[in-house]
Amino acid sequence: MTTRGYTATKDQLQTRLRRIEGQVRGIERMVEEDRYCIDVLTQISAIQAALDKVALGLLDGHVRHCVTKSAQEGKSAEMSEELMAAVGRLMRRG
């Protein structure tokens, strides 16, 4: 089995993702109930912030585990490119 940078915190990660999933279902109910637009947008913003926090945690784990390991194996240039591409995708929104 492959060890990933997030393996040690996998339970915490899954708990956060389940919480975010519940928030998304909550927004679905808000729309179904014709709730005030600004309230729905506020909840969407909260979900985006929660997902950003998960993403940053994953990036941190990736750098500490995968990038470090690749650097030791002499593959740092490839890993740097991959990391920067991932950061670029995360920063592009809307």
N, C-alpha and C. Protein backbone atom coordinates (compact mmCIF):
# COMPACT_ATOMS: atom_id res chain seq x y z
N MET A 1 0.84 -1.18 0.00
CA MET A 1 0.00 0.00 0.00
C MET A 1 0.88 1.24 0.00
N THR A 2 0.53 2.23 -0.81
CA THR A 2 1.29 3.46 -0.90
C THR A 2 0.92 4.39 0.24
N THR A 3 1.94 5.00 0.85
CA THR A 3 1.71 5.99 1.89
C THR A 3 1.67 7.35 1.25
N ARG A 4 0.63 8.09 1.51
CA ARG A 4 0.46 9.45 0.98
C ARG A 4 0.77 10.45 2.07
N GLY A 5 0.94 11.70 1.66
CA GLY A 5 1.23 12.75 2.63
C GLY A 5 0.13 12.96 3.64
N TYR A 6 -1.09 12.59 3.30
CA TYR A 6 -2.23 12.79 4.20
C TYR A 6 -2.61 11.54 4.98
N THR A 7 -1.88 10.46 4.79
CA THR A 7 -2.24 9.18 5.41
C THR A 7 -2.38 9.30 6.92
N ALA A 8 -1.47 10.02 7.57
CA ALA A 8 -1.50 10.13 9.03
C ALA A 8 -2.74 10.88 9.54
N THR A 9 -3.29 11.74 8.71
CA THR A 9 -4.45 12.54 9.13
C THR A 9 -5.70 12.18 8.34
N LYS A 10 -5.71 11.00 7.78
CA LYS A 10 -6.81 10.58 6.91
C LYS A 10 -8.17 10.65 7.61
N ASP A 11 -8.25 10.20 8.86
CA ASP A 11 -9.53 10.24 9.58
C ASP A 11 -10.03 11.67 9.74
N GLN A 12 -9.13 12.58 10.09
CA GLN A 12 -9.51 13.99 10.22
C GLN A 12 -9.97 14.56 8.88
N LEU A 13 -9.27 14.21 7.84
CA LEU A 13 -9.61 14.67 6.50
C LEU A 13 -11.00 14.18 6.10
N GLN A 14 -11.27 12.91 6.33
CA GLN A 14 -12.58 12.36 5.98
C GLN A 14 -13.69 13.01 6.81
N THR A 15 -13.42 13.30 8.08
CA THR A 15 -14.40 13.98 8.93
C THR A 15 -14.72 15.35 8.37
N ARG A 16 -13.68 16.10 8.00
CA ARG A 16 -13.90 17.44 7.42
C ARG A 16 -14.70 17.36 6.13
N LEU A 17 -14.36 16.40 5.28
CA LEU A 17 -15.06 16.27 4.00
C LEU A 17 -16.52 15.90 4.22
N ARG A 18 -16.80 15.07 5.22
CA ARG A 18 -18.20 14.74 5.51
C ARG A 18 -18.96 15.96 6.00
N ARG A 19 -18.29 16.78 6.80
CA ARG A 19 -18.91 18.02 7.29
C ARG A 19 -19.23 18.94 6.12
N ILE A 20 -18.29 19.06 5.19
CA ILE A 20 -18.51 19.90 4.00
C ILE A 20 -19.66 19.34 3.17
N GLU A 21 -19.71 18.03 3.04
CA GLU A 21 -20.81 17.39 2.31
C GLU A 21 -22.15 17.76 2.95
N GLY A 22 -22.20 17.76 4.27
CA GLY A 22 -23.42 18.15 4.97
C GLY A 22 -23.78 19.60 4.72
N GLN A 23 -22.77 20.47 4.66
CA GLN A 23 -23.02 21.88 4.35
C GLN A 23 -23.61 22.03 2.96
N VAL A 24 -23.11 21.26 2.00
CA VAL A 24 -23.63 21.33 0.64
C VAL A 24 -25.09 20.89 0.61
N ARG A 25 -25.40 19.82 1.32
CA ARG A 25 -26.80 19.38 1.40
C ARG A 25 -27.66 20.46 2.06
N GLY A 26 -27.09 21.17 3.03
CA GLY A 26 -27.82 22.27 3.67
C GLY A 26 -28.14 23.38 2.69
N ILE A 27 -27.22 23.68 1.79
CA ILE A 27 -27.48 24.70 0.77
C ILE A 27 -28.58 24.23 -0.17
N GLU A 28 -28.55 22.97 -0.50
CA GLU A 28 -29.60 22.42 -1.36
C GLU A 28 -30.97 22.63 -0.71
N ARG A 29 -31.06 22.37 0.60
CA ARG A 29 -32.33 22.60 1.31
C ARG A 29 -32.70 24.07 1.33
N MET A 30 -31.69 24.93 1.51
CA MET A 30 -31.95 26.37 1.52
C MET A 30 -32.57 26.82 0.19
N VAL A 31 -32.03 26.31 -0.91
CA VAL A 31 -32.55 26.67 -2.24
C VAL A 31 -33.97 26.11 -2.38
N GLU A 32 -34.16 24.88 -1.94
CA GLU A 32 -35.48 24.26 -2.01
C GLU A 32 -36.50 25.09 -1.23
N GLU A 33 -36.07 25.66 -0.11
CA GLU A 33 -36.97 26.45 0.75
C GLU A 33 -37.03 27.92 0.36
N ASP A 34 -36.42 28.28 -0.79
CA ASP A 34 -36.41 29.67 -1.27
C ASP A 34 -35.85 30.65 -0.24
N ARG A 35 -34.74 30.27 0.39
CA ARG A 35 -34.12 31.15 1.38
C ARG A 35 -33.50 32.36 0.71
N TYR A 36 -33.26 33.39 1.49
CA TYR A 36 -32.69 34.64 1.03
C TYR A 36 -31.34 34.41 0.34
N CYS A 37 -31.16 35.01 -0.84
CA CYS A 37 -29.97 34.79 -1.67
C CYS A 37 -28.67 35.02 -0.91
N ILE A 38 -28.60 36.09 -0.15
CA ILE A 38 -27.37 36.41 0.56
C ILE A 38 -27.03 35.33 1.59
N ASP A 39 -28.04 34.75 2.22
CA ASP A 39 -27.79 33.66 3.16
C ASP A 39 -27.20 32.44 2.46
N VAL A 40 -27.72 32.14 1.27
CA VAL A 40 -27.19 31.02 0.49
C VAL A 40 -25.75 31.30 0.08
N LEU A 41 -25.50 32.52 -0.39
CA LEU A 41 -24.15 32.89 -0.80
C LEU A 41 -23.17 32.84 0.37
N THR A 42 -23.62 33.23 1.54
CA THR A 42 -22.78 33.16 2.74
C THR A 42 -22.38 31.72 3.03
N GLN A 43 -23.31 30.80 2.89
CA GLN A 43 -23.01 29.39 3.12
C GLN A 43 -22.06 28.84 2.05
N ILE A 44 -22.24 29.28 0.82
CA ILE A 44 -21.33 28.86 -0.26
C ILE A 44 -19.91 29.34 0.05
N SER A 45 -19.79 30.55 0.52
CA SER A 45 -18.49 31.10 0.88
C SER A 45 -17.84 30.29 2.00
N ALA A 46 -18.64 29.87 2.96
CA ALA A 46 -18.12 29.06 4.07
C ALA A 46 -17.61 27.71 3.55
N ILE A 47 -18.33 27.13 2.61
CA ILE A 47 -17.90 25.85 2.04
C ILE A 47 -16.61 26.02 1.25
N GLN A 48 -16.52 27.10 0.48
CA GLN A 48 -15.29 27.35 -0.27
C GLN A 48 -14.10 27.50 0.68
N ALA A 49 -14.30 28.21 1.79
CA ALA A 49 -13.23 28.38 2.77
C ALA A 49 -12.83 27.04 3.38
N ALA A 50 -13.82 26.20 3.67
CA ALA A 50 -13.54 24.88 4.24
C ALA A 50 -12.77 24.01 3.24
N LEU A 51 -13.17 24.05 1.98
CA LEU A 51 -12.46 23.29 0.95
C LEU A 51 -11.03 23.81 0.76
N ASP A 52 -10.87 25.13 0.83
CA ASP A 52 -9.53 25.71 0.73
C ASP A 52 -8.63 25.21 1.86
N LYS A 53 -9.21 25.12 3.05
CA LYS A 53 -8.44 24.64 4.20
C LYS A 53 -8.02 23.18 4.00
N VAL A 54 -8.93 22.38 3.48
CA VAL A 54 -8.60 20.98 3.17
C VAL A 54 -7.49 20.93 2.12
N ALA A 55 -7.62 21.74 1.08
CA ALA A 55 -6.63 21.75 0.00
C ALA A 55 -5.26 22.17 0.52
N LEU A 56 -5.23 23.19 1.37
CA LEU A 56 -3.94 23.63 1.92
C LEU A 56 -3.31 22.55 2.80
N GLY A 57 -4.14 21.86 3.54
CA GLY A 57 -3.63 20.75 4.35
C GLY A 57 -3.05 19.65 3.48
N LEU A 58 -3.73 19.34 2.38
CA LEU A 58 -3.22 18.33 1.45
C LEU A 58 -1.92 18.79 0.80
N LEU A 59 -1.86 20.05 0.42
CA LEU A 59 -0.62 20.59 -0.16
C LEU A 59 0.52 20.51 0.84
N ASP A 60 0.24 20.86 2.07
CA ASP A 60 1.26 20.81 3.12
C ASP A 60 1.79 19.38 3.26
N GLY A 61 0.88 18.43 3.34
CA GLY A 61 1.29 17.03 3.45
C GLY A 61 2.07 16.57 2.24
N HIS A 62 1.65 17.03 1.07
CA HIS A 62 2.34 16.67 -0.17
C HIS A 62 3.78 17.17 -0.15
N VAL A 63 3.95 18.42 0.24
CA VAL A 63 5.29 19.00 0.28
C VAL A 63 6.16 18.28 1.31
N ARG A 64 5.61 18.07 2.49
CA ARG A 64 6.39 17.45 3.56
C ARG A 64 6.73 15.99 3.27
N HIS A 65 5.86 15.31 2.54
CA HIS A 65 6.08 13.88 2.30
C HIS A 65 6.60 13.61 0.89
N CYS A 66 5.78 13.89 -0.09
CA CYS A 66 6.08 13.50 -1.47
C CYS A 66 7.21 14.32 -2.09
N VAL A 67 7.16 15.63 -1.91
CA VAL A 67 8.18 16.49 -2.52
C VAL A 67 9.53 16.22 -1.86
N THR A 68 9.52 16.09 -0.54
CA THR A 68 10.76 15.80 0.17
C THR A 68 11.36 14.47 -0.28
N LYS A 69 10.51 13.46 -0.39
CA LYS A 69 10.97 12.14 -0.84
C LYS A 69 11.54 12.23 -2.26
N SER A 70 10.85 12.95 -3.15
CA SER A 70 11.32 13.09 -4.53
C SER A 70 12.64 13.83 -4.60
N ALA A 71 12.81 14.82 -3.74
CA ALA A 71 14.07 15.57 -3.73
C ALA A 71 15.21 14.64 -3.33
N GLN A 72 14.96 13.77 -2.39
CA GLN A 72 15.98 12.82 -1.96
C GLN A 72 16.32 11.83 -3.08
N GLU A 73 15.36 11.58 -3.96
CA GLU A 73 15.56 10.66 -5.08
C GLU A 73 16.06 11.37 -6.34
N GLY A 74 16.29 12.69 -6.22
CA GLY A 74 16.79 13.46 -7.36
C GLY A 74 15.74 13.84 -8.38
N LYS A 75 14.47 13.86 -7.99
CA LYS A 75 13.38 14.19 -8.91
C LYS A 75 12.70 15.51 -8.54
N SER A 76 13.44 16.42 -7.95
CA SER A 76 12.83 17.64 -7.43
C SER A 76 12.26 18.55 -8.53
N ALA A 77 12.88 18.59 -9.70
CA ALA A 77 12.38 19.47 -10.77
C ALA A 77 10.99 19.03 -11.22
N GLU A 78 10.83 17.72 -11.44
CA GLU A 78 9.52 17.20 -11.86
C GLU A 78 8.46 17.48 -10.80
N MET A 79 8.82 17.23 -9.56
CA MET A 79 7.86 17.40 -8.47
C MET A 79 7.51 18.87 -8.28
N SER A 80 8.47 19.76 -8.46
CA SER A 80 8.20 21.20 -8.35
C SER A 80 7.20 21.64 -9.41
N GLU A 81 7.38 21.15 -10.63
CA GLU A 81 6.45 21.47 -11.71
C GLU A 81 5.04 20.99 -11.38
N GLU A 82 4.96 19.75 -10.91
CA GLU A 82 3.66 19.18 -10.56
C GLU A 82 3.00 19.97 -9.43
N LEU A 83 3.79 20.34 -8.44
CA LEU A 83 3.27 21.11 -7.30
C LEU A 83 2.76 22.47 -7.75
N MET A 84 3.54 23.17 -8.55
CA MET A 84 3.13 24.50 -9.00
C MET A 84 1.90 24.42 -9.90
N ALA A 85 1.77 23.39 -10.69
CA ALA A 85 0.57 23.22 -11.51
C ALA A 85 -0.66 23.01 -10.62
N ALA A 86 -0.48 22.22 -9.55
CA ALA A 86 -1.59 21.99 -8.61
C ALA A 86 -1.99 23.29 -7.91
N VAL A 87 -1.00 24.07 -7.49
CA VAL A 87 -1.29 25.35 -6.85
C VAL A 87 -2.01 26.28 -7.83
N GLY A 88 -1.55 26.28 -9.07
CA GLY A 88 -2.19 27.11 -10.10
C GLY A 88 -3.65 26.73 -10.30
N ARG A 89 -3.94 25.44 -10.31
CA ARG A 89 -5.35 25.00 -10.47
C ARG A 89 -6.19 25.42 -9.28
N LEU A 90 -5.60 25.35 -8.09
CA LEU A 90 -6.35 25.74 -6.90
C LEU A 90 -6.65 27.24 -6.87
N MET A 91 -5.75 28.01 -7.42
CA MET A 91 -5.93 29.47 -7.39
C MET A 91 -6.92 29.97 -8.44
N ARG A 92 -7.11 29.21 -9.50
CA ARG A 92 -8.04 29.61 -10.56
C ARG A 92 -9.45 29.25 -10.15
N ARG A 93 -10.25 30.25 -9.93
CA ARG A 93 -11.66 30.01 -9.61
C ARG A 93 -12.50 31.09 -10.26
N GLY A 94 -13.70 30.67 -10.63
CA GLY A 94 -14.67 31.64 -11.14
C GLY A 94 -14.24 32.22 -12.38
